[in-house]
Amino acid sequence: MTGSQHRFASLHDVELATLAATGERRAFGELVRRHGSAVRGLLRRMGAAPAEADDTAQDAFLAAFEGIAEYRGEGAFAGWVKRIAARQYLRRLQRERRLADLAIAAEEGEPVASHPDAAGRIDLDEALKTLTASERLCVTMCYGAGLSHAEAAEALNLPLGTVKSHVKRGLEKLRARLAPPDGALEGRQGNG
């Protein structure tokens, strides 16, 4: 690691963003290095294919760089850039007219996919695949990207009540899917 790279690695995200706003590209590069995989992970959970997640993340970081002066450090940089990425991904969906197809599939109650783990262990990504497309989008936008229900409703161009319903049903399904089998949680609580 060179001296300047080490200097940037030791700075807080807000300090890096401030430097990036003055034109320091290496400071912004450090932000991309720190948060790139989390942004790509969010996009994958939202349904993006790996290459699409990479492209959308790149677009999101470019938009973040162009608008870095708007970031004031009032919230985590990761949350700010994830919201940008989520909006970028939704714009991609709208451009490709897939959002309409996802809404139709959700109305018909078609699940996106279900792939139980052979060993009986489930991770969040696999559990998210069991949700309908609309449930998955709403849950990942509200809990992965940190958008409020109202912000998600605006981004998806859906009524607020519909977003709330998708989130509620999605969370109920996730809780049921991720719950420990045979009351294992109750046994642990009694020992605490």
N, C-alpha and C. Protein backbone atom coordinates (compact mmCIF):
# COMPACT_ATOMS: atom_id res chain seq x y z
N MET A 1 0.85 -1.17 0.00
CA MET A 1 0.00 0.00 0.00
C MET A 1 0.89 1.23 0.00
N THR A 2 0.64 2.13 -0.92
CA THR A 2 1.44 3.35 -0.98
C THR A 2 1.03 4.29 0.14
N GLY A 3 1.82 5.33 0.35
CA GLY A 3 1.55 6.29 1.41
C GLY A 3 0.20 6.96 1.27
N SER A 4 -0.16 7.35 0.03
CA SER A 4 -1.44 8.03 -0.17
C SER A 4 -2.61 7.06 0.01
N GLN A 5 -2.43 5.80 -0.43
CA GLN A 5 -3.48 4.81 -0.23
C GLN A 5 -3.70 4.56 1.26
N HIS A 6 -2.60 4.48 2.02
CA HIS A 6 -2.71 4.26 3.46
C HIS A 6 -3.39 5.46 4.11
N ARG A 7 -3.05 6.64 3.65
CA ARG A 7 -3.66 7.86 4.19
C ARG A 7 -5.17 7.82 4.01
N PHE A 8 -5.64 7.44 2.84
CA PHE A 8 -7.07 7.39 2.59
C PHE A 8 -7.74 6.25 3.34
N ALA A 9 -7.06 5.13 3.49
CA ALA A 9 -7.64 3.98 4.19
C ALA A 9 -7.92 4.28 5.64
N SER A 10 -7.20 5.22 6.22
CA SER A 10 -7.39 5.54 7.64
C SER A 10 -8.44 6.61 7.88
N LEU A 11 -8.99 7.20 6.82
CA LEU A 11 -9.97 8.28 6.97
C LEU A 11 -11.39 7.73 7.07
N HIS A 12 -12.24 8.47 7.74
CA HIS A 12 -13.67 8.15 7.87
C HIS A 12 -14.36 8.46 6.53
N ASP A 13 -15.48 7.80 6.29
CA ASP A 13 -16.22 8.02 5.04
C ASP A 13 -16.58 9.48 4.81
N VAL A 14 -16.96 10.18 5.86
CA VAL A 14 -17.34 11.59 5.71
C VAL A 14 -16.13 12.42 5.26
N GLU A 15 -14.97 12.11 5.83
CA GLU A 15 -13.75 12.83 5.41
C GLU A 15 -13.41 12.52 3.96
N LEU A 16 -13.56 11.26 3.57
CA LEU A 16 -13.30 10.88 2.19
C LEU A 16 -14.26 11.59 1.23
N ALA A 17 -15.53 11.64 1.62
CA ALA A 17 -16.53 12.31 0.77
C ALA A 17 -16.22 13.80 0.63
N THR A 18 -15.77 14.41 1.72
CA THR A 18 -15.40 15.83 1.68
C THR A 18 -14.23 16.05 0.71
N LEU A 19 -13.24 15.17 0.81
CA LEU A 19 -12.10 15.27 -0.12
C LEU A 19 -12.54 15.02 -1.56
N ALA A 20 -13.42 14.03 -1.75
CA ALA A 20 -13.89 13.72 -3.10
C ALA A 20 -14.66 14.91 -3.68
N ALA A 21 -15.39 15.63 -2.84
CA ALA A 21 -16.14 16.80 -3.31
C ALA A 21 -15.21 17.92 -3.79
N THR A 22 -13.96 17.90 -3.32
CA THR A 22 -12.99 18.89 -3.78
C THR A 22 -12.24 18.41 -5.02
N GLY A 23 -12.59 17.22 -5.52
CA GLY A 23 -11.97 16.70 -6.73
C GLY A 23 -10.93 15.62 -6.49
N GLU A 24 -10.76 15.18 -5.26
CA GLU A 24 -9.76 14.14 -4.95
C GLU A 24 -10.33 12.77 -5.32
N ARG A 25 -9.96 12.32 -6.50
CA ARG A 25 -10.48 11.06 -7.03
C ARG A 25 -10.04 9.84 -6.21
N ARG A 26 -8.85 9.88 -5.66
CA ARG A 26 -8.36 8.73 -4.88
C ARG A 26 -9.18 8.54 -3.61
N ALA A 27 -9.69 9.63 -3.05
CA ALA A 27 -10.55 9.54 -1.87
C ALA A 27 -11.85 8.83 -2.24
N PHE A 28 -12.39 9.20 -3.39
CA PHE A 28 -13.62 8.54 -3.82
C PHE A 28 -13.34 7.08 -4.16
N GLY A 29 -12.18 6.80 -4.74
CA GLY A 29 -11.79 5.43 -5.02
C GLY A 29 -11.78 4.57 -3.76
N GLU A 30 -11.37 5.15 -2.65
CA GLU A 30 -11.39 4.42 -1.38
C GLU A 30 -12.82 4.12 -0.95
N LEU A 31 -13.74 5.05 -1.17
CA LEU A 31 -15.15 4.80 -0.86
C LEU A 31 -15.70 3.66 -1.72
N VAL A 32 -15.33 3.64 -2.98
CA VAL A 32 -15.77 2.56 -3.87
C VAL A 32 -15.20 1.23 -3.39
N ARG A 33 -13.93 1.23 -3.01
CA ARG A 33 -13.30 0.01 -2.52
C ARG A 33 -14.01 -0.51 -1.27
N ARG A 34 -14.35 0.39 -0.37
CA ARG A 34 -14.99 0.01 0.89
C ARG A 34 -16.41 -0.52 0.70
N HIS A 35 -17.16 0.09 -0.21
CA HIS A 35 -18.59 -0.17 -0.26
C HIS A 35 -19.08 -0.85 -1.54
N GLY A 36 -18.19 -1.10 -2.48
CA GLY A 36 -18.59 -1.69 -3.75
C GLY A 36 -19.25 -3.05 -3.62
N SER A 37 -18.68 -3.94 -2.81
CA SER A 37 -19.26 -5.29 -2.71
C SER A 37 -20.61 -5.25 -2.02
N ALA A 38 -20.81 -4.36 -1.05
CA ALA A 38 -22.11 -4.25 -0.38
C ALA A 38 -23.18 -3.74 -1.35
N VAL A 39 -22.81 -2.81 -2.20
CA VAL A 39 -23.76 -2.28 -3.19
C VAL A 39 -24.11 -3.38 -4.19
N ARG A 40 -23.11 -4.10 -4.69
CA ARG A 40 -23.39 -5.20 -5.62
C ARG A 40 -24.25 -6.27 -4.95
N GLY A 41 -24.00 -6.56 -3.68
CA GLY A 41 -24.80 -7.55 -2.95
C GLY A 41 -26.26 -7.13 -2.85
N LEU A 42 -26.49 -5.87 -2.55
CA LEU A 42 -27.87 -5.36 -2.50
C LEU A 42 -28.55 -5.55 -3.84
N LEU A 43 -27.86 -5.19 -4.91
CA LEU A 43 -28.45 -5.29 -6.25
C LEU A 43 -28.75 -6.74 -6.60
N ARG A 44 -27.90 -7.66 -6.20
CA ARG A 44 -28.16 -9.08 -6.44
C ARG A 44 -29.40 -9.53 -5.67
N ARG A 45 -29.56 -9.05 -4.43
CA ARG A 45 -30.74 -9.40 -3.64
C ARG A 45 -32.01 -8.83 -4.26
N MET A 46 -31.86 -7.70 -4.94
CA MET A 46 -33.01 -7.10 -5.61
C MET A 46 -33.38 -7.86 -6.88
N GLY A 47 -32.51 -8.74 -7.34
CA GLY A 47 -32.81 -9.56 -8.51
C GLY A 47 -31.89 -9.37 -9.69
N ALA A 48 -30.88 -8.53 -9.57
CA ALA A 48 -29.97 -8.29 -10.69
C ALA A 48 -29.05 -9.48 -10.91
N ALA A 49 -28.81 -9.80 -12.15
CA ALA A 49 -27.82 -10.82 -12.51
C ALA A 49 -26.44 -10.25 -12.17
N PRO A 50 -25.42 -11.10 -12.00
CA PRO A 50 -24.10 -10.60 -11.60
C PRO A 50 -23.56 -9.47 -12.49
N ALA A 51 -23.61 -9.62 -13.79
CA ALA A 51 -23.10 -8.57 -14.68
C ALA A 51 -23.94 -7.31 -14.58
N GLU A 52 -25.24 -7.47 -14.45
CA GLU A 52 -26.13 -6.32 -14.31
C GLU A 52 -25.88 -5.60 -12.98
N ALA A 53 -25.62 -6.36 -11.92
CA ALA A 53 -25.29 -5.76 -10.61
C ALA A 53 -24.00 -4.96 -10.71
N ASP A 54 -23.00 -5.52 -11.40
CA ASP A 54 -21.74 -4.79 -11.58
C ASP A 54 -21.95 -3.49 -12.35
N ASP A 55 -22.70 -3.57 -13.45
CA ASP A 55 -22.95 -2.38 -14.27
C ASP A 55 -23.74 -1.33 -13.50
N THR A 56 -24.76 -1.78 -12.78
CA THR A 56 -25.60 -0.83 -12.03
C THR A 56 -24.81 -0.21 -10.90
N ALA A 57 -23.98 -1.02 -10.22
CA ALA A 57 -23.14 -0.47 -9.15
C ALA A 57 -22.19 0.58 -9.71
N GLN A 58 -21.62 0.31 -10.86
CA GLN A 58 -20.72 1.28 -11.49
C GLN A 58 -21.48 2.57 -11.81
N ASP A 59 -22.68 2.43 -12.35
CA ASP A 59 -23.50 3.62 -12.64
C ASP A 59 -23.83 4.38 -11.36
N ALA A 60 -24.13 3.64 -10.29
CA ALA A 60 -24.48 4.27 -9.01
C ALA A 60 -23.29 5.03 -8.43
N PHE A 61 -22.11 4.43 -8.49
CA PHE A 61 -20.94 5.13 -7.97
C PHE A 61 -20.59 6.34 -8.82
N LEU A 62 -20.80 6.26 -10.12
CA LEU A 62 -20.58 7.42 -10.99
C LEU A 62 -21.56 8.54 -10.61
N ALA A 63 -22.83 8.19 -10.40
CA ALA A 63 -23.82 9.19 -9.98
C ALA A 63 -23.47 9.75 -8.61
N ALA A 64 -22.97 8.89 -7.71
CA ALA A 64 -22.57 9.35 -6.38
C ALA A 64 -21.39 10.31 -6.48
N PHE A 65 -20.44 10.01 -7.35
CA PHE A 65 -19.29 10.89 -7.52
C PHE A 65 -19.74 12.26 -8.06
N GLU A 66 -20.64 12.22 -9.04
CA GLU A 66 -21.13 13.47 -9.62
C GLU A 66 -21.94 14.29 -8.62
N GLY A 67 -22.59 13.61 -7.68
CA GLY A 67 -23.41 14.31 -6.70
C GLY A 67 -22.84 14.28 -5.29
N ILE A 68 -21.53 14.04 -5.16
CA ILE A 68 -20.91 13.88 -3.85
C ILE A 68 -21.10 15.10 -2.96
N ALA A 69 -21.22 16.27 -3.55
CA ALA A 69 -21.43 17.49 -2.75
C ALA A 69 -22.77 17.45 -2.01
N GLU A 70 -23.71 16.63 -2.50
CA GLU A 70 -25.02 16.49 -1.85
C GLU A 70 -24.93 15.65 -0.58
N TYR A 71 -23.91 14.81 -0.46
CA TYR A 71 -23.76 13.97 0.74
C TYR A 71 -23.17 14.83 1.85
N ARG A 72 -23.91 14.96 2.93
CA ARG A 72 -23.50 15.84 4.02
C ARG A 72 -23.08 15.07 5.27
N GLY A 73 -23.04 13.76 5.19
CA GLY A 73 -22.61 12.98 6.34
C GLY A 73 -23.68 12.81 7.40
N GLU A 74 -24.92 13.13 7.07
CA GLU A 74 -26.01 13.00 8.05
C GLU A 74 -26.40 11.55 8.27
N GLY A 75 -26.08 10.69 7.36
CA GLY A 75 -26.30 9.25 7.47
C GLY A 75 -25.07 8.55 6.95
N ALA A 76 -25.07 7.25 7.04
CA ALA A 76 -23.91 6.48 6.57
C ALA A 76 -23.77 6.62 5.05
N PHE A 77 -22.53 6.75 4.60
CA PHE A 77 -22.27 6.82 3.16
C PHE A 77 -22.80 5.57 2.47
N ALA A 78 -22.63 4.41 3.11
CA ALA A 78 -23.10 3.15 2.51
C ALA A 78 -24.59 3.20 2.23
N GLY A 79 -25.38 3.72 3.16
CA GLY A 79 -26.82 3.83 2.95
C GLY A 79 -27.15 4.79 1.82
N TRP A 80 -26.42 5.90 1.76
CA TRP A 80 -26.65 6.89 0.72
C TRP A 80 -26.39 6.29 -0.67
N VAL A 81 -25.27 5.62 -0.83
CA VAL A 81 -24.94 5.07 -2.14
C VAL A 81 -25.83 3.86 -2.46
N LYS A 82 -26.27 3.11 -1.45
CA LYS A 82 -27.20 2.01 -1.71
C LYS A 82 -28.54 2.53 -2.22
N ARG A 83 -29.01 3.64 -1.68
CA ARG A 83 -30.26 4.23 -2.17
C ARG A 83 -30.10 4.65 -3.63
N ILE A 84 -28.95 5.23 -3.96
CA ILE A 84 -28.69 5.61 -5.35
C ILE A 84 -28.70 4.36 -6.23
N ALA A 85 -28.04 3.30 -5.78
CA ALA A 85 -27.97 2.06 -6.56
C ALA A 85 -29.35 1.44 -6.74
N ALA A 86 -30.16 1.44 -5.69
CA ALA A 86 -31.51 0.87 -5.79
C ALA A 86 -32.33 1.64 -6.82
N ARG A 87 -32.21 2.95 -6.79
CA ARG A 87 -32.94 3.77 -7.77
C ARG A 87 -32.42 3.53 -9.18
N GLN A 88 -31.11 3.39 -9.32
CA GLN A 88 -30.53 3.10 -10.64
C GLN A 88 -31.07 1.77 -11.18
N TYR A 89 -31.12 0.77 -10.29
CA TYR A 89 -31.61 -0.55 -10.72
C TYR A 89 -33.08 -0.46 -11.13
N LEU A 90 -33.88 0.28 -10.37
CA LEU A 90 -35.29 0.42 -10.73
C LEU A 90 -35.46 1.13 -12.06
N ARG A 91 -34.62 2.12 -12.31
CA ARG A 91 -34.67 2.79 -13.62
C ARG A 91 -34.34 1.80 -14.74
N ARG A 92 -33.37 0.94 -14.48
CA ARG A 92 -33.04 -0.09 -15.48
C ARG A 92 -34.24 -0.99 -15.72
N LEU A 93 -34.90 -1.41 -14.64
CA LEU A 93 -36.07 -2.27 -14.79
C LEU A 93 -37.17 -1.57 -15.58
N GLN A 94 -37.37 -0.31 -15.27
CA GLN A 94 -38.42 0.44 -15.97
C GLN A 94 -38.07 0.60 -17.44
N ARG A 95 -36.81 0.89 -17.73
CA ARG A 95 -36.39 1.04 -19.13
C ARG A 95 -36.62 -0.25 -19.90
N GLU A 96 -36.37 -1.35 -19.27
CA GLU A 96 -36.51 -2.64 -19.95
C GLU A 96 -37.94 -3.18 -19.89
N ARG A 97 -38.82 -2.42 -19.25
CA ARG A 97 -40.23 -2.78 -19.13
C ARG A 97 -40.45 -4.08 -18.37
N ARG A 98 -39.44 -4.47 -17.59
CA ARG A 98 -39.61 -5.68 -16.80
C ARG A 98 -40.44 -5.43 -15.55
N LEU A 99 -40.52 -4.21 -15.10
CA LEU A 99 -41.28 -3.91 -13.90
C LEU A 99 -42.74 -4.30 -14.08
N ALA A 100 -43.29 -4.03 -15.27
CA ALA A 100 -44.68 -4.42 -15.54
C ALA A 100 -44.84 -5.93 -15.48
N ASP A 101 -43.88 -6.66 -16.02
CA ASP A 101 -43.94 -8.12 -15.98
C ASP A 101 -43.86 -8.64 -14.55
N LEU A 102 -43.02 -8.00 -13.73
CA LEU A 102 -42.91 -8.42 -12.33
C LEU A 102 -44.20 -8.15 -11.58
N ALA A 103 -44.86 -7.04 -11.85
CA ALA A 103 -46.12 -6.71 -11.18
C ALA A 103 -47.20 -7.71 -11.56
N ILE A 104 -47.26 -8.10 -12.82
CA ILE A 104 -48.24 -9.08 -13.28
C ILE A 104 -47.97 -10.43 -12.60
N ALA A 105 -46.71 -10.84 -12.54
CA ALA A 105 -46.37 -12.10 -11.89
C ALA A 105 -46.75 -12.07 -10.41
N ALA A 106 -46.54 -10.94 -9.77
CA ALA A 106 -46.87 -10.82 -8.34
C ALA A 106 -48.37 -10.88 -8.14
N GLU A 107 -49.15 -10.24 -9.01
CA GLU A 107 -50.60 -10.27 -8.90
C GLU A 107 -51.12 -11.69 -9.06
N GLU A 108 -50.45 -12.48 -9.88
CA GLU A 108 -50.86 -13.86 -10.08
C GLU A 108 -50.31 -14.78 -9.01
N GLY A 109 -49.52 -14.21 -8.09
CA GLY A 109 -49.01 -14.98 -6.97
C GLY A 109 -47.89 -15.94 -7.32
N GLU A 110 -47.20 -15.68 -8.41
CA GLU A 110 -46.12 -16.58 -8.82
C GLU A 110 -44.86 -16.28 -8.02
N PRO A 111 -44.30 -17.28 -7.34
CA PRO A 111 -43.04 -17.04 -6.63
C PRO A 111 -41.91 -16.89 -7.62
N VAL A 112 -40.87 -16.16 -7.21
CA VAL A 112 -39.72 -15.96 -8.07
C VAL A 112 -38.98 -17.28 -8.25
N ALA A 113 -38.65 -17.93 -7.14
CA ALA A 113 -37.95 -19.21 -7.19
C ALA A 113 -37.88 -19.76 -5.78
N SER A 114 -37.68 -21.05 -5.67
CA SER A 114 -37.51 -21.67 -4.36
C SER A 114 -36.44 -22.73 -4.48
N HIS A 115 -35.34 -22.54 -3.75
CA HIS A 115 -34.22 -23.47 -3.80
C HIS A 115 -33.79 -23.83 -2.39
N PRO A 116 -34.47 -24.81 -1.74
CA PRO A 116 -34.05 -25.15 -0.40
C PRO A 116 -32.65 -25.74 -0.38
N ASP A 117 -31.89 -25.42 0.63
CA ASP A 117 -30.54 -25.92 0.80
C ASP A 117 -30.60 -27.39 1.19
N ALA A 118 -29.83 -28.22 0.53
CA ALA A 118 -29.85 -29.66 0.79
C ALA A 118 -29.52 -29.99 2.23
N ALA A 119 -28.67 -29.20 2.85
CA ALA A 119 -28.27 -29.47 4.24
C ALA A 119 -29.28 -28.89 5.22
N GLY A 120 -30.34 -28.27 4.75
CA GLY A 120 -31.35 -27.71 5.63
C GLY A 120 -31.02 -26.32 6.13
N ARG A 121 -29.88 -25.77 5.73
CA ARG A 121 -29.50 -24.42 6.15
C ARG A 121 -29.97 -23.45 5.09
N ILE A 122 -30.51 -22.35 5.54
CA ILE A 122 -31.02 -21.34 4.62
C ILE A 122 -30.30 -20.03 4.89
N ASP A 123 -29.88 -19.36 3.84
CA ASP A 123 -29.33 -18.03 4.04
C ASP A 123 -30.32 -17.00 3.48
N LEU A 124 -30.07 -15.76 3.76
CA LEU A 124 -31.01 -14.71 3.38
C LEU A 124 -31.23 -14.65 1.88
N ASP A 125 -30.18 -14.78 1.10
CA ASP A 125 -30.34 -14.71 -0.35
C ASP A 125 -31.28 -15.81 -0.85
N GLU A 126 -31.12 -17.01 -0.33
CA GLU A 126 -31.99 -18.11 -0.74
C GLU A 126 -33.42 -17.86 -0.26
N ALA A 127 -33.57 -17.34 0.95
CA ALA A 127 -34.91 -17.06 1.48
C ALA A 127 -35.59 -15.97 0.64
N LEU A 128 -34.84 -14.95 0.22
CA LEU A 128 -35.42 -13.90 -0.60
C LEU A 128 -35.94 -14.44 -1.93
N LYS A 129 -35.32 -15.49 -2.44
CA LYS A 129 -35.76 -16.06 -3.71
C LYS A 129 -37.14 -16.70 -3.61
N THR A 130 -37.61 -16.98 -2.39
CA THR A 130 -38.93 -17.59 -2.22
C THR A 130 -40.06 -16.56 -2.26
N LEU A 131 -39.72 -15.28 -2.20
CA LEU A 131 -40.73 -14.23 -2.23
C LEU A 131 -41.18 -13.97 -3.65
N THR A 132 -42.36 -13.38 -3.78
CA THR A 132 -42.77 -12.94 -5.11
C THR A 132 -41.84 -11.81 -5.52
N ALA A 133 -41.83 -11.49 -6.78
CA ALA A 133 -40.93 -10.45 -7.28
C ALA A 133 -41.21 -9.11 -6.60
N SER A 134 -42.46 -8.76 -6.43
CA SER A 134 -42.80 -7.47 -5.81
C SER A 134 -42.44 -7.45 -4.33
N GLU A 135 -42.67 -8.56 -3.63
CA GLU A 135 -42.28 -8.65 -2.22
C GLU A 135 -40.78 -8.48 -2.07
N ARG A 136 -40.03 -9.15 -2.92
CA ARG A 136 -38.57 -9.09 -2.84
C ARG A 136 -38.07 -7.66 -3.11
N LEU A 137 -38.62 -7.01 -4.13
CA LEU A 137 -38.21 -5.64 -4.42
C LEU A 137 -38.52 -4.72 -3.24
N CYS A 138 -39.72 -4.82 -2.70
CA CYS A 138 -40.12 -3.93 -1.61
C CYS A 138 -39.30 -4.18 -0.35
N VAL A 139 -39.09 -5.44 0.00
CA VAL A 139 -38.31 -5.77 1.20
C VAL A 139 -36.86 -5.31 1.03
N THR A 140 -36.24 -5.58 -0.11
CA THR A 140 -34.84 -5.19 -0.28
C THR A 140 -34.68 -3.68 -0.37
N MET A 141 -35.65 -3.00 -0.92
CA MET A 141 -35.55 -1.53 -0.97
C MET A 141 -35.67 -0.93 0.42
N CYS A 142 -36.61 -1.46 1.23
CA CYS A 142 -36.84 -0.89 2.56
C CYS A 142 -35.80 -1.34 3.57
N TYR A 143 -35.35 -2.58 3.49
CA TYR A 143 -34.42 -3.08 4.49
C TYR A 143 -32.99 -3.20 3.99
N GLY A 144 -32.80 -3.38 2.69
CA GLY A 144 -31.45 -3.46 2.14
C GLY A 144 -30.90 -2.10 1.75
N ALA A 145 -31.75 -1.29 1.13
CA ALA A 145 -31.30 0.02 0.67
C ALA A 145 -31.63 1.12 1.66
N GLY A 146 -32.46 0.81 2.66
CA GLY A 146 -32.76 1.79 3.70
C GLY A 146 -33.78 2.84 3.31
N LEU A 147 -34.56 2.58 2.27
CA LEU A 147 -35.61 3.51 1.89
C LEU A 147 -36.80 3.36 2.82
N SER A 148 -37.51 4.43 3.06
CA SER A 148 -38.76 4.35 3.82
C SER A 148 -39.81 3.71 2.91
N HIS A 149 -40.92 3.30 3.51
CA HIS A 149 -42.00 2.75 2.69
C HIS A 149 -42.45 3.78 1.65
N ALA A 150 -42.54 5.04 2.07
CA ALA A 150 -42.97 6.10 1.15
C ALA A 150 -41.97 6.29 0.00
N GLU A 151 -40.68 6.25 0.31
CA GLU A 151 -39.66 6.39 -0.74
C GLU A 151 -39.71 5.22 -1.70
N ALA A 152 -39.90 4.01 -1.17
CA ALA A 152 -40.01 2.82 -2.03
C ALA A 152 -41.25 2.93 -2.91
N ALA A 153 -42.37 3.37 -2.34
CA ALA A 153 -43.61 3.53 -3.11
C ALA A 153 -43.41 4.51 -4.25
N GLU A 154 -42.72 5.62 -3.96
CA GLU A 154 -42.46 6.61 -5.01
C GLU A 154 -41.54 6.03 -6.10
N ALA A 155 -40.49 5.33 -5.67
CA ALA A 155 -39.54 4.77 -6.64
C ALA A 155 -40.19 3.70 -7.52
N LEU A 156 -41.09 2.92 -6.93
CA LEU A 156 -41.75 1.84 -7.67
C LEU A 156 -43.03 2.30 -8.37
N ASN A 157 -43.44 3.54 -8.08
CA ASN A 157 -44.69 4.06 -8.63
C ASN A 157 -45.87 3.18 -8.23
N LEU A 158 -45.89 2.82 -6.93
CA LEU A 158 -46.96 2.01 -6.37
C LEU A 158 -47.61 2.76 -5.21
N PRO A 159 -48.86 2.45 -4.90
CA PRO A 159 -49.47 3.07 -3.72
C PRO A 159 -48.72 2.66 -2.45
N LEU A 160 -48.68 3.55 -1.47
CA LEU A 160 -47.98 3.29 -0.22
C LEU A 160 -48.51 2.03 0.46
N GLY A 161 -49.83 1.85 0.47
CA GLY A 161 -50.43 0.67 1.09
C GLY A 161 -49.98 -0.63 0.43
N THR A 162 -49.79 -0.59 -0.87
CA THR A 162 -49.34 -1.79 -1.59
C THR A 162 -47.92 -2.15 -1.17
N VAL A 163 -47.05 -1.16 -1.08
CA VAL A 163 -45.68 -1.40 -0.65
C VAL A 163 -45.67 -1.96 0.77
N LYS A 164 -46.46 -1.34 1.65
CA LYS A 164 -46.52 -1.83 3.04
C LYS A 164 -47.00 -3.28 3.09
N SER A 165 -48.00 -3.61 2.27
CA SER A 165 -48.50 -4.98 2.23
C SER A 165 -47.45 -5.96 1.73
N HIS A 166 -46.73 -5.58 0.66
CA HIS A 166 -45.67 -6.44 0.13
C HIS A 166 -44.58 -6.66 1.17
N VAL A 167 -44.20 -5.58 1.86
CA VAL A 167 -43.16 -5.69 2.89
C VAL A 167 -43.64 -6.58 4.02
N LYS A 168 -44.87 -6.38 4.48
CA LYS A 168 -45.40 -7.17 5.60
C LYS A 168 -45.45 -8.66 5.24
N ARG A 169 -46.01 -8.97 4.07
CA ARG A 169 -46.09 -10.38 3.64
C ARG A 169 -44.69 -10.96 3.44
N GLY A 170 -43.81 -10.17 2.82
CA GLY A 170 -42.45 -10.65 2.60
C GLY A 170 -41.72 -10.94 3.90
N LEU A 171 -41.83 -10.04 4.86
CA LEU A 171 -41.17 -10.25 6.16
C LEU A 171 -41.75 -11.46 6.89
N GLU A 172 -43.08 -11.63 6.81
CA GLU A 172 -43.69 -12.81 7.44
C GLU A 172 -43.14 -14.10 6.83
N LYS A 173 -43.03 -14.12 5.51
CA LYS A 173 -42.49 -15.31 4.83
C LYS A 173 -41.03 -15.54 5.22
N LEU A 174 -40.24 -14.45 5.27
CA LEU A 174 -38.84 -14.58 5.65
C LEU A 174 -38.70 -15.08 7.08
N ARG A 175 -39.50 -14.54 8.00
CA ARG A 175 -39.44 -14.99 9.40
C ARG A 175 -39.76 -16.48 9.49
N ALA A 176 -40.80 -16.90 8.78
CA ALA A 176 -41.18 -18.32 8.82
C ALA A 176 -40.08 -19.19 8.21
N ARG A 177 -39.49 -18.70 7.14
CA ARG A 177 -38.47 -19.48 6.44
C ARG A 177 -37.16 -19.56 7.22
N LEU A 178 -36.82 -18.47 7.91
CA LEU A 178 -35.54 -18.40 8.62
C LEU A 178 -35.63 -18.79 10.08
N ALA A 179 -36.84 -19.08 10.58
CA ALA A 179 -37.00 -19.44 11.99
C ALA A 179 -36.29 -20.75 12.29
N PRO A 180 -35.67 -20.85 13.47
CA PRO A 180 -35.02 -22.11 13.85
C PRO A 180 -36.06 -23.24 13.92
N PRO A 181 -35.70 -24.43 13.50
CA PRO A 181 -36.64 -25.55 13.53
C PRO A 181 -36.90 -26.03 14.96
N ASP A 182 -38.08 -26.57 15.18
CA ASP A 182 -38.43 -27.26 16.42
C ASP A 182 -38.26 -26.42 17.67
N GLY A 183 -38.55 -25.14 17.61
CA GLY A 183 -38.50 -24.30 18.80
C GLY A 183 -37.12 -24.14 19.40
N ALA A 184 -36.07 -24.28 18.60
CA ALA A 184 -34.70 -24.16 19.11
C ALA A 184 -34.46 -22.79 19.73
N LEU A 185 -35.14 -21.77 19.24
CA LEU A 185 -34.96 -20.42 19.77
C LEU A 185 -35.48 -20.32 21.19
N GLU A 186 -36.67 -20.92 21.46
CA GLU A 186 -37.22 -20.85 22.81
C GLU A 186 -36.28 -21.49 23.82
N GLY A 187 -35.66 -22.60 23.47
CA GLY A 187 -34.75 -23.27 24.38
C GLY A 187 -33.56 -22.40 24.72
N ARG A 188 -33.07 -21.62 23.76
CA ARG A 188 -31.92 -20.75 24.00
C ARG A 188 -32.31 -19.55 24.85
N GLN A 189 -33.53 -19.06 24.67
CA GLN A 189 -33.95 -17.89 25.43
C GLN A 189 -34.04 -18.20 26.91
N GLY A 190 -34.44 -19.41 27.25
CA GLY A 190 -34.58 -19.79 28.65
C GLY A 190 -33.23 -19.88 29.36
N ASN A 191 -32.14 -20.03 28.63
CA ASN A 191 -30.82 -20.16 29.23
C ASN A 191 -30.14 -18.81 29.46
N GLY A 192 -30.74 -17.73 28.91
CA GLY A 192 -30.07 -16.44 28.89
C GLY A 192 -30.13 -15.75 30.16
